[in-house]
Amino acid sequence: GVGEPRWSLSERGDTAEAAARLFRLLREADRERPSGIAVSPMPNDGLGEAINDRLRRAAGFVG
């Protein structure tokens, strides 16, 4: 099953905070090699659009 969240880009849904934490958390997840990662997308405008794009690329979905 799905466990408790281990990482959060922003508890408040703040896109600036999420952008600032994104790469650090991706590196942390890469080191820990979890069996899966569930992501809730950010609003798809401004920084949120860039964050969602980076998460799609990290997941291997390009296009």
Protein backbone atom coordinates (compact mmCIF):
# COMPACT_ATOMS: atom_id res chain seq x y z
CA GLY A 1 0.00 0.00 0.00
CA VAL A 2 0.86 3.64 0.01
CA GLY A 3 2.67 4.84 3.12
CA GLU A 4 2.93 8.23 4.72
CA PRO A 5 4.45 11.05 2.65
CA ARG A 6 8.22 11.26 3.09
CA TRP A 7 8.86 14.37 1.04
CA SER A 8 6.88 17.46 0.26
CA LEU A 9 7.76 20.21 -2.17
CA SER A 10 5.51 22.57 -0.23
CA GLU A 11 3.05 21.74 2.54
CA ARG A 12 1.17 24.96 1.65
CA GLY A 13 1.18 24.46 -2.12
CA ASP A 14 3.50 27.46 -2.52
CA THR A 15 5.10 27.29 -5.97
CA ALA A 16 8.15 29.40 -5.03
CA GLU A 17 8.88 27.10 -2.07
CA ALA A 18 8.29 24.03 -4.25
CA ALA A 19 10.66 25.29 -6.94
CA ALA A 20 13.35 25.97 -4.33
CA ARG A 21 13.09 22.43 -2.92
CA LEU A 22 12.54 20.47 -6.15
CA PHE A 23 16.09 19.52 -7.14
CA ARG A 24 17.20 18.76 -3.58
CA LEU A 25 14.27 16.39 -3.10
CA LEU A 26 14.83 14.73 -6.50
CA ARG A 27 18.47 14.08 -5.53
CA GLU A 28 17.36 12.73 -2.14
CA ALA A 29 14.84 10.39 -3.79
CA ASP A 30 17.50 9.25 -6.27
CA ARG A 31 19.84 8.32 -3.39
CA GLU A 32 17.12 6.45 -1.48
CA ARG A 33 15.80 4.66 -4.61
CA PRO A 34 12.18 4.22 -3.52
CA SER A 35 10.07 1.63 -5.34
CA GLY A 36 7.68 4.38 -6.43
CA ILE A 37 6.86 8.05 -6.07
CA ALA A 38 3.37 9.57 -6.08
CA VAL A 39 3.12 13.23 -7.04
CA SER A 40 0.27 15.73 -6.91
CA PRO A 41 0.80 18.27 -9.69
CA MET A 42 1.10 21.98 -8.98
CA PRO A 43 -1.29 24.46 -10.63
CA ASN A 44 -0.18 24.48 -14.28
CA ASP A 45 0.80 28.15 -14.62
CA GLY A 46 3.96 30.14 -13.96
CA LEU A 47 6.39 28.27 -11.70
CA GLY A 48 3.87 25.46 -11.33
CA GLU A 49 4.10 24.75 -15.06
CA ALA A 50 7.91 24.55 -14.85
CA ILE A 51 7.76 22.28 -11.78
CA ASN A 52 5.25 19.94 -13.44
CA ASP A 53 7.43 19.80 -16.57
CA ARG A 54 10.51 18.87 -14.53
CA LEU A 55 8.59 16.19 -12.63
CA ARG A 56 7.32 14.70 -15.93
CA ARG A 57 10.89 14.63 -17.27
CA ALA A 58 12.18 13.03 -14.06
CA ALA A 59 9.51 10.35 -14.46
CA GLY A 60 10.58 9.72 -18.05
CA PHE A 61 7.48 11.25 -19.67
CA VAL A 62 8.74 13.71 -22.27
CA GLY A 63 6.46 15.25 -24.86
